[in-house]
Amino acid sequence: MLSHRAKYALRALQYLAQQEPGEAILISEVAERQAVPKKFLEIILVELKRAGLVRSFRGRNGGYALAKPAEQIFLGNVIRLMDGPLAALPCASLTAYRRCDDCHDEASCQIRRVFRKVRDATAAILDRTTLADIVRGTPTPRSAKATALLDLGADI
């Protein structure tokens, strides 16, 4: 499940992407327009800045703006930054693999097999969807692999 932190980060980035490139937007404006608690948003924006997704401007006309084009910001990267791995189980993760403590035979675990497919389908969509796609409202680009994974059918 997507955390509030990740959801707020995506909403803030979406709002910044809708502005003129390089235009600094006050935190208070983003918080108000996107219904995000201001103090929480401040913490999120600092993390997004450290990751190189936004930049800050000081002074009278200060605020935040995207640090790179919306076409180069992928949802999968933002969610991993905010929430960690996409996989619901540690044994199904590519980026933070850890064997489940209560698993006796990982190789034959059918639960792990299903959650690896879920991870693959989720990553296939989120790693191809950019902030620009969301702003434009365009359908999520799907690879043939993602389409096949979403149609799991009898494989489960």
C-alpha atoms as a PDB file:
ATOM      1  CA  MET A   1       0.000   0.000   0.000  1.00  0.00           C
ATOM      2  CA  LEU A   2       1.224   3.467  -0.837  1.00  0.00           C
ATOM      3  CA  SER A   3       2.108   5.514   2.245  1.00  0.00           C
ATOM      4  CA  HIS A   4       0.872   9.055   2.841  1.00  0.00           C
ATOM      5  CA  ARG A   5       4.469  10.156   2.452  1.00  0.00           C
ATOM      6  CA  ALA A   6       4.757   8.706  -1.063  1.00  0.00           C
ATOM      7  CA  LYS A   7       1.312   9.948  -2.054  1.00  0.00           C
ATOM      8  CA  TYR A   8       2.105  13.469  -0.819  1.00  0.00           C
ATOM      9  CA  ALA A   9       5.458  13.416  -2.620  1.00  0.00           C
ATOM     10  CA  LEU A  10       3.742  12.463  -5.874  1.00  0.00           C
ATOM     11  CA  ARG A  11       1.090  15.160  -5.415  1.00  0.00           C
ATOM     12  CA  ALA A  12       3.715  17.816  -4.669  1.00  0.00           C
ATOM     13  CA  LEU A  13       5.796  16.787  -7.683  1.00  0.00           C
ATOM     14  CA  GLN A  14       2.704  16.789  -9.877  1.00  0.00           C
ATOM     15  CA  TYR A  15       1.850  20.318  -8.755  1.00  0.00           C
ATOM     16  CA  LEU A  16       5.394  21.544  -9.394  1.00  0.00           C
ATOM     17  CA  ALA A  17       5.345  19.902 -12.830  1.00  0.00           C
ATOM     18  CA  GLN A  18       2.207  21.871 -13.723  1.00  0.00           C
ATOM     19  CA  GLN A  19       4.014  25.184 -13.192  1.00  0.00           C
ATOM     20  CA  GLU A  20       6.296  27.030 -15.585  1.00  0.00           C
ATOM     21  CA  PRO A  21       9.738  25.346 -15.734  1.00  0.00           C
ATOM     22  CA  GLY A  22      12.059  26.832 -13.118  1.00  0.00           C
ATOM     23  CA  GLU A  23       9.285  28.804 -11.401  1.00  0.00           C
ATOM     24  CA  ALA A  24       9.742  28.648  -7.622  1.00  0.00           C
ATOM     25  CA  ILE A  25       6.564  27.747  -5.753  1.00  0.00           C
ATOM     26  CA  LEU A  26       6.142  28.366  -2.032  1.00  0.00           C
ATOM     27  CA  ILE A  27       5.687  25.350   0.223  1.00  0.00           C
ATOM     28  CA  SER A  28       2.533  26.932   1.626  1.00  0.00           C
ATOM     29  CA  GLU A  29       0.999  27.088  -1.862  1.00  0.00           C
ATOM     30  CA  VAL A  30       1.803  23.452  -2.629  1.00  0.00           C
ATOM     31  CA  ALA A  31       0.491  22.366   0.778  1.00  0.00           C
ATOM     32  CA  GLU A  32      -2.741  24.306   0.384  1.00  0.00           C
ATOM     33  CA  ARG A  33      -3.447  23.328  -3.234  1.00  0.00           C
ATOM     34  CA  GLN A  34      -2.617  19.663  -2.721  1.00  0.00           C
ATOM     35  CA  ALA A  35      -4.140  19.305   0.770  1.00  0.00           C
ATOM     36  CA  VAL A  36      -0.837  18.179   2.274  1.00  0.00           C
ATOM     37  CA  PRO A  37       0.175  19.088   5.852  1.00  0.00           C
ATOM     38  CA  LYS A  38       2.810  21.825   5.507  1.00  0.00           C
ATOM     39  CA  LYS A  39       5.271  20.483   8.103  1.00  0.00           C
ATOM     40  CA  PHE A  40       5.127  17.008   6.577  1.00  0.00           C
ATOM     41  CA  LEU A  41       5.592  18.498   3.106  1.00  0.00           C
ATOM     42  CA  GLU A  42       8.722  20.342   4.264  1.00  0.00           C
ATOM     43  CA  ILE A  43      10.307  17.023   5.283  1.00  0.00           C
ATOM     44  CA  ILE A  44       9.281  15.380   2.013  1.00  0.00           C
ATOM     45  CA  LEU A  45      10.664  18.219  -0.111  1.00  0.00           C
ATOM     46  CA  VAL A  46      14.021  18.031   1.676  1.00  0.00           C
ATOM     47  CA  GLU A  47      14.220  14.332   0.747  1.00  0.00           C
ATOM     48  CA  LEU A  48      13.200  15.061  -2.838  1.00  0.00           C
ATOM     49  CA  LYS A  49      15.878  17.764  -2.971  1.00  0.00           C
ATOM     50  CA  ARG A  50      18.574  15.387  -1.669  1.00  0.00           C
ATOM     51  CA  ALA A  51      17.559  12.927  -4.379  1.00  0.00           C
ATOM     52  CA  GLY A  52      17.933  15.613  -7.057  1.00  0.00           C
ATOM     53  CA  LEU A  53      14.256  15.714  -7.998  1.00  0.00           C
ATOM     54  CA  VAL A  54      13.537  19.262  -6.818  1.00  0.00           C
ATOM     55  CA  ARG A  55      15.622  22.333  -6.133  1.00  0.00           C
ATOM     56  CA  SER A  56      15.024  25.121  -3.688  1.00  0.00           C
ATOM     57  CA  PHE A  57      15.376  28.864  -4.060  1.00  0.00           C
ATOM     58  CA  ARG A  58      15.977  31.203  -1.138  1.00  0.00           C
ATOM     59  CA  GLY A  59      14.819  34.725  -0.627  1.00  0.00           C
ATOM     60  CA  ARG A  60      11.750  36.752  -1.387  1.00  0.00           C
ATOM     61  CA  ASN A  61      10.837  34.776  -4.503  1.00  0.00           C
ATOM     62  CA  GLY A  62      11.992  31.503  -3.005  1.00  0.00           C
ATOM     63  CA  GLY A  63      10.341  28.144  -3.061  1.00  0.00           C
ATOM     64  CA  TYR A  64      10.680  24.837  -4.866  1.00  0.00           C
ATOM     65  CA  ALA A  65      10.774  23.768  -8.501  1.00  0.00           C
ATOM     66  CA  LEU A  66      11.520  20.552 -10.334  1.00  0.00           C
ATOM     67  CA  ALA A  67      15.257  19.959 -10.732  1.00  0.00           C
ATOM     68  CA  LYS A  68      14.788  18.037 -13.976  1.00  0.00           C
ATOM     69  CA  PRO A  69      12.099  17.654 -16.615  1.00  0.00           C
ATOM     70  CA  ALA A  70       8.942  15.800 -15.597  1.00  0.00           C
ATOM     71  CA  GLU A  71       9.659  13.319 -18.416  1.00  0.00           C
ATOM     72  CA  GLN A  72      12.732  12.169 -16.479  1.00  0.00           C
ATOM     73  CA  ILE A  73      11.009  11.594 -13.134  1.00  0.00           C
ATOM     74  CA  PHE A  74       9.593   8.071 -12.864  1.00  0.00           C
ATOM     75  CA  LEU A  75       6.951   7.130 -10.307  1.00  0.00           C
ATOM     76  CA  GLY A  76       8.796   3.953  -9.335  1.00  0.00           C
ATOM     77  CA  ASN A  77      11.845   5.966  -8.283  1.00  0.00           C
ATOM     78  CA  VAL A  78       9.770   8.393  -6.214  1.00  0.00           C
ATOM     79  CA  ILE A  79       7.897   5.598  -4.443  1.00  0.00           C
ATOM     80  CA  ARG A  80      11.111   3.690  -3.691  1.00  0.00           C
ATOM     81  CA  LEU A  81      12.655   6.890  -2.321  1.00  0.00           C
ATOM     82  CA  MET A  82       9.713   7.505  -0.008  1.00  0.00           C
ATOM     83  CA  ASP A  83       8.641   3.957   0.901  1.00  0.00           C
ATOM     84  CA  GLY A  84      11.496   1.633   0.032  1.00  0.00           C
ATOM     85  CA  PRO A  85      11.147  -1.471  -2.145  1.00  0.00           C
ATOM     86  CA  LEU A  86       8.019  -2.030  -4.231  1.00  0.00           C
ATOM     87  CA  ALA A  87       7.809  -5.694  -3.242  1.00  0.00           C
ATOM     88  CA  ALA A  88       5.320  -6.539  -0.496  1.00  0.00           C
ATOM     89  CA  LEU A  89       7.532  -9.349   0.817  1.00  0.00           C
ATOM     90  CA  PRO A  90      11.271  -9.033   1.483  1.00  0.00           C
ATOM     91  CA  CYS A  91      11.949 -12.345  -0.283  1.00  0.00           C
ATOM     92  CA  ALA A  92      10.332 -10.966  -3.457  1.00  0.00           C
ATOM     93  CA  SER A  93      12.369  -7.752  -3.542  1.00  0.00           C
ATOM     94  CA  LEU A  94      15.051  -7.066  -6.127  1.00  0.00           C
ATOM     95  CA  THR A  95      16.448  -4.038  -4.304  1.00  0.00           C
ATOM     96  CA  ALA A  96      16.193  -5.134  -0.659  1.00  0.00           C
ATOM     97  CA  TYR A  97      16.051  -8.930  -0.734  1.00  0.00           C
ATOM     98  CA  ARG A  98      15.893 -10.677   2.605  1.00  0.00           C
ATOM     99  CA  ARG A  99      14.864 -14.255   3.228  1.00  0.00           C
ATOM    100  CA  CYS A 100      11.605 -14.582   5.177  1.00  0.00           C
ATOM    101  CA  ASP A 101      12.302 -15.823   8.708  1.00  0.00           C
ATOM    102  CA  ASP A 102       9.423 -18.287   8.679  1.00  0.00           C
ATOM    103  CA  CYS A 103      10.023 -19.772   5.222  1.00  0.00           C
ATOM    104  CA  HIS A 104      11.303 -23.351   5.132  1.00  0.00           C
ATOM    105  CA  ASP A 105      11.791 -23.725   1.370  1.00  0.00           C
ATOM    106  CA  GLU A 106      11.983 -20.471  -0.543  1.00  0.00           C
ATOM    107  CA  ALA A 107      12.513 -22.207  -3.894  1.00  0.00           C
ATOM    108  CA  SER A 108       9.122 -23.928  -3.757  1.00  0.00           C
ATOM    109  CA  CYS A 109       7.196 -21.180  -1.935  1.00  0.00           C
ATOM    110  CA  GLN A 110       4.112 -20.398  -4.012  1.00  0.00           C
ATOM    111  CA  ILE A 111       3.368 -17.255  -2.012  1.00  0.00           C
ATOM    112  CA  ARG A 112       6.763 -15.855  -2.976  1.00  0.00           C
ATOM    113  CA  ARG A 113       6.123 -16.789  -6.617  1.00  0.00           C
ATOM    114  CA  VAL A 114       2.858 -14.841  -6.696  1.00  0.00           C
ATOM    115  CA  PHE A 115       4.352 -11.805  -4.973  1.00  0.00           C
ATOM    116  CA  ARG A 116       7.288 -11.752  -7.382  1.00  0.00           C
ATOM    117  CA  LYS A 117       4.756 -11.504 -10.221  1.00  0.00           C
ATOM    118  CA  VAL A 118       2.956  -8.719  -8.383  1.00  0.00           C
ATOM    119  CA  ARG A 119       6.291  -6.944  -7.906  1.00  0.00           C
ATOM    120  CA  ASP A 120       7.177  -7.373 -11.587  1.00  0.00           C
ATOM    121  CA  ALA A 121       3.813  -6.052 -12.789  1.00  0.00           C
ATOM    122  CA  THR A 122       3.928  -3.110 -10.390  1.00  0.00           C
ATOM    123  CA  ALA A 123       7.504  -2.206 -11.321  1.00  0.00           C
ATOM    124  CA  ALA A 124       6.780  -2.595 -15.043  1.00  0.00           C
ATOM    125  CA  ILE A 125       4.090   0.062 -14.776  1.00  0.00           C
ATOM    126  CA  LEU A 126       5.635   2.457 -12.234  1.00  0.00           C
ATOM    127  CA  ASP A 127       9.107   2.370 -13.800  1.00  0.00           C
ATOM    128  CA  ARG A 128       7.646   3.369 -17.183  1.00  0.00           C
ATOM    129  CA  THR A 129       5.263   6.052 -15.943  1.00  0.00           C
ATOM    130  CA  THR A 130       6.670   9.551 -15.644  1.00  0.00           C
ATOM    131  CA  LEU A 131       5.485  12.618 -13.838  1.00  0.00           C
ATOM    132  CA  ALA A 132       4.762  14.089 -17.278  1.00  0.00           C
ATOM    133  CA  ASP A 133       2.389  11.187 -18.011  1.00  0.00           C
ATOM    134  CA  ILE A 134       0.403  12.044 -14.893  1.00  0.00           C
ATOM    135  CA  VAL A 135       0.305  15.761 -15.651  1.00  0.00           C
ATOM    136  CA  ARG A 136      -0.872  15.090 -19.218  1.00  0.00           C
ATOM    137  CA  GLY A 137      -3.319  12.461 -18.049  1.00  0.00           C
ATOM    138  CA  THR A 138      -2.006  10.022 -20.623  1.00  0.00           C
ATOM    139  CA  PRO A 139      -2.529   6.306 -20.128  1.00  0.00           C
ATOM    140  CA  THR A 140       0.244   4.466 -18.368  1.00  0.00           C
ATOM    141  CA  PRO A 141       2.625   3.043 -20.971  1.00  0.00           C
ATOM    142  CA  ARG A 142       2.618  -0.729 -20.732  1.00  0.00           C
ATOM    143  CA  SER A 143       5.164  -3.123 -22.018  1.00  0.00           C
ATOM    144  CA  ALA A 144       4.113  -6.500 -23.372  1.00  0.00           C
ATOM    145  CA  LYS A 145       5.622  -8.013 -20.218  1.00  0.00           C
ATOM    146  CA  ALA A 146       3.484  -5.817 -17.971  1.00  0.00           C
ATOM    147  CA  THR A 147       0.352  -6.731 -19.905  1.00  0.00           C
ATOM    148  CA  ALA A 148       1.176 -10.425 -19.608  1.00  0.00           C
ATOM    149  CA  LEU A 149       1.919 -10.092 -15.901  1.00  0.00           C
ATOM    150  CA  LEU A 150      -1.351  -8.299 -15.278  1.00  0.00           C
ATOM    151  CA  ASP A 151      -3.166 -11.198 -16.926  1.00  0.00           C
ATOM    152  CA  LEU A 152      -1.886 -13.788 -14.477  1.00  0.00           C
ATOM    153  CA  GLY A 153      -4.731 -16.226 -15.125  1.00  0.00           C
ATOM    154  CA  ALA A 154      -3.969 -19.859 -14.374  1.00  0.00           C
ATOM    155  CA  ASP A 155      -0.336 -19.198 -13.458  1.00  0.00           C
ATOM    156  CA  ILE A 156      -1.328 -18.433  -9.884  1.00  0.00           C
END
